[in-house]
C-alpha atoms as a PDB file:
ATOM      1  CA  MET A   1      83.661 149.115 154.523  1.00  0.00           C
ATOM      2  CA  GLU A   2      82.592 147.984 151.055  1.00  0.00           C
ATOM      3  CA  ASP A   3      80.326 144.968 150.722  1.00  0.00           C
ATOM      4  CA  HIS A   4      80.014 143.695 147.146  1.00  0.00           C
ATOM      5  CA  LYS A   5      77.703 141.018 145.808  1.00  0.00           C
ATOM      6  CA  VAL A   6      79.600 137.948 144.618  1.00  0.00           C
ATOM      7  CA  LYS A   7      78.820 134.774 142.724  1.00  0.00           C
ATOM      8  CA  ALA A   8      80.632 131.473 142.324  1.00  0.00           C
ATOM      9  CA  VAL A   9      80.192 129.661 139.017  1.00  0.00           C
ATOM     10  CA  VAL A  10      80.955 125.965 138.499  1.00  0.00           C
ATOM     11  CA  LEU A  11      83.420 125.574 135.626  1.00  0.00           C
ATOM     12  CA  GLU A  12      84.010 121.806 135.789  1.00  0.00           C
ATOM     13  CA  SER A  13      82.559 119.065 137.955  1.00  0.00           C
ATOM     14  CA  GLY A  14      83.076 115.411 138.722  1.00  0.00           C
ATOM     15  CA  CYS A  15      80.497 115.685 141.517  1.00  0.00           C
ATOM     16  CA  PRO A  16      76.940 114.463 140.902  1.00  0.00           C
ATOM     17  CA  ARG A  17      75.552 117.507 142.796  1.00  0.00           C
ATOM     18  CA  TYR A  18      77.146 120.176 140.560  1.00  0.00           C
ATOM     19  CA  ARG A  19      77.046 120.816 136.827  1.00  0.00           C
ATOM     20  CA  PRO A  20      79.073 123.348 134.843  1.00  0.00           C
ATOM     21  CA  GLY A  21      77.205 126.637 134.881  1.00  0.00           C
ATOM     22  CA  ASP A  22      75.661 126.160 138.339  1.00  0.00           C
ATOM     23  CA  GLU A  23      75.838 129.382 140.350  1.00  0.00           C
ATOM     24  CA  ILE A  24      75.939 130.325 144.024  1.00  0.00           C
ATOM     25  CA  TYR A  25      75.173 133.949 144.936  1.00  0.00           C
ATOM     26  CA  PHE A  26      76.442 135.723 148.028  1.00  0.00           C
ATOM     27  CA  GLU A  27      74.903 138.916 149.352  1.00  0.00           C
ATOM     28  CA  GLY A  28      77.009 140.193 152.195  1.00  0.00           C
ATOM     29  CA  ALA A  29      77.783 137.342 154.552  1.00  0.00           C
ATOM     30  CA  PHE A  30      74.788 135.310 153.386  1.00  0.00           C
ATOM     31  CA  VAL A  31      74.008 132.900 150.570  1.00  0.00           C
ATOM     32  CA  ASP A  32      71.114 134.138 148.438  1.00  0.00           C
ATOM     33  CA  LYS A  33      69.046 130.952 148.576  1.00  0.00           C
ATOM     34  CA  GLU A  34      66.486 132.213 146.056  1.00  0.00           C
ATOM     35  CA  LYS A  35      69.095 132.509 143.281  1.00  0.00           C
ATOM     36  CA  SER A  36      71.581 129.805 144.256  1.00  0.00           C
ATOM     37  CA  GLY A  37      71.945 126.120 143.575  1.00  0.00           C
ATOM     38  CA  GLU A  38      73.091 123.641 146.187  1.00  0.00           C
ATOM     39  CA  LEU A  39      76.093 124.457 148.359  1.00  0.00           C
ATOM     40  CA  CYS A  40      78.296 121.739 149.796  1.00  0.00           C
ATOM     41  CA  MET A  41      80.112 122.605 153.024  1.00  0.00           C
ATOM     42  CA  VAL A  42      83.429 121.277 151.661  1.00  0.00           C
ATOM     43  CA  ALA A  43      83.087 123.459 148.552  1.00  0.00           C
ATOM     44  CA  LEU A  44      82.126 126.452 150.698  1.00  0.00           C
ATOM     45  CA  ASN A  45      85.240 125.956 152.799  1.00  0.00           C
ATOM     46  CA  ALA A  46      87.393 125.971 149.647  1.00  0.00           C
ATOM     47  CA  ILE A  47      85.886 129.076 148.021  1.00  0.00           C
ATOM     48  CA  TYR A  48      85.081 131.152 151.112  1.00  0.00           C
ATOM     49  CA  PRO A  49      88.432 133.002 151.426  1.00  0.00           C
ATOM     50  CA  PHE A  50      88.113 134.151 147.803  1.00  0.00           C
ATOM     51  CA  VAL A  51      84.432 135.062 148.147  1.00  0.00           C
ATOM     52  CA  TYR A  52      85.248 137.083 151.265  1.00  0.00           C
ATOM     53  CA  ALA A  53      88.107 138.952 149.540  1.00  0.00           C
ATOM     54  CA  ALA A  54      85.883 139.782 146.559  1.00  0.00           C
ATOM     55  CA  ARG A  55      83.064 140.831 148.859  1.00  0.00           C
ATOM     56  CA  ARG A  56      85.314 143.274 150.676  1.00  0.00           C
ATOM     57  CA  GLY A  57      86.714 144.830 147.493  1.00  0.00           C
ATOM     58  CA  GLY A  58      89.914 142.816 147.185  1.00  0.00           C
ATOM     59  CA  SER A  59      91.269 141.314 144.020  1.00  0.00           C
ATOM     60  CA  VAL A  60      89.580 138.231 142.620  1.00  0.00           C
ATOM     61  CA  LYS A  61      91.678 135.233 141.603  1.00  0.00           C
ATOM     62  CA  GLU A  62      91.357 134.674 137.854  1.00  0.00           C
ATOM     63  CA  GLY A  63      92.074 130.960 137.797  1.00  0.00           C
ATOM     64  CA  PRO A  64      89.718 128.257 138.994  1.00  0.00           C
ATOM     65  CA  ILE A  65      89.397 127.410 142.667  1.00  0.00           C
ATOM     66  CA  GLN A  66      89.103 123.702 143.287  1.00  0.00           C
ATOM     67  CA  CYS A  67      87.090 121.930 145.925  1.00  0.00           C
ATOM     68  CA  PRO A  68      89.420 119.421 147.649  1.00  0.00           C
ATOM     69  CA  ASP A  69      86.820 116.673 148.080  1.00  0.00           C
ATOM     70  CA  CYS A  70      88.364 113.379 146.895  1.00  0.00           C
ATOM     71  CA  GLY A  71      87.775 112.351 143.283  1.00  0.00           C
ATOM     72  CA  GLU A  72      84.751 114.599 142.800  1.00  0.00           C
ATOM     73  CA  CYS A  73      86.768 117.588 141.677  1.00  0.00           C
ATOM     74  CA  VAL A  74      84.677 120.746 141.281  1.00  0.00           C
ATOM     75  CA  LYS A  75      86.257 123.937 139.952  1.00  0.00           C
ATOM     76  CA  PHE A  76      84.707 127.340 140.602  1.00  0.00           C
ATOM     77  CA  ARG A  77      85.245 130.862 139.292  1.00  0.00           C
ATOM     78  CA  ILE A  78      84.523 133.739 141.682  1.00  0.00           C
ATOM     79  CA  GLN A  79      83.036 136.979 140.291  1.00  0.00           C
ATOM     80  CA  ARG A  80      82.260 140.292 141.953  1.00  0.00           C
ATOM     81  CA  LEU A  81      78.914 141.509 140.598  1.00  0.00           C
ATOM     82  CA  ASP A  82      79.142 145.264 141.102  1.00  0.00           C
END
């Protein structure tokens, strides 16, 4: 089965931990800690289904994916890297 590298990019953020342009890199089932910024567990829960689909060769949602955490709205874009 295919296993693509994927990154999540912050598009907008009301959270003090994320800024637009922050990136999180996924290599297989793991976060590439050397390349990635911080990763909140709530944000990971929101983006994981889309990261997994992209990783396995599925289509990638074009629109932003929003973290559901209260008033600290963070929007991500998911990109397959290869």
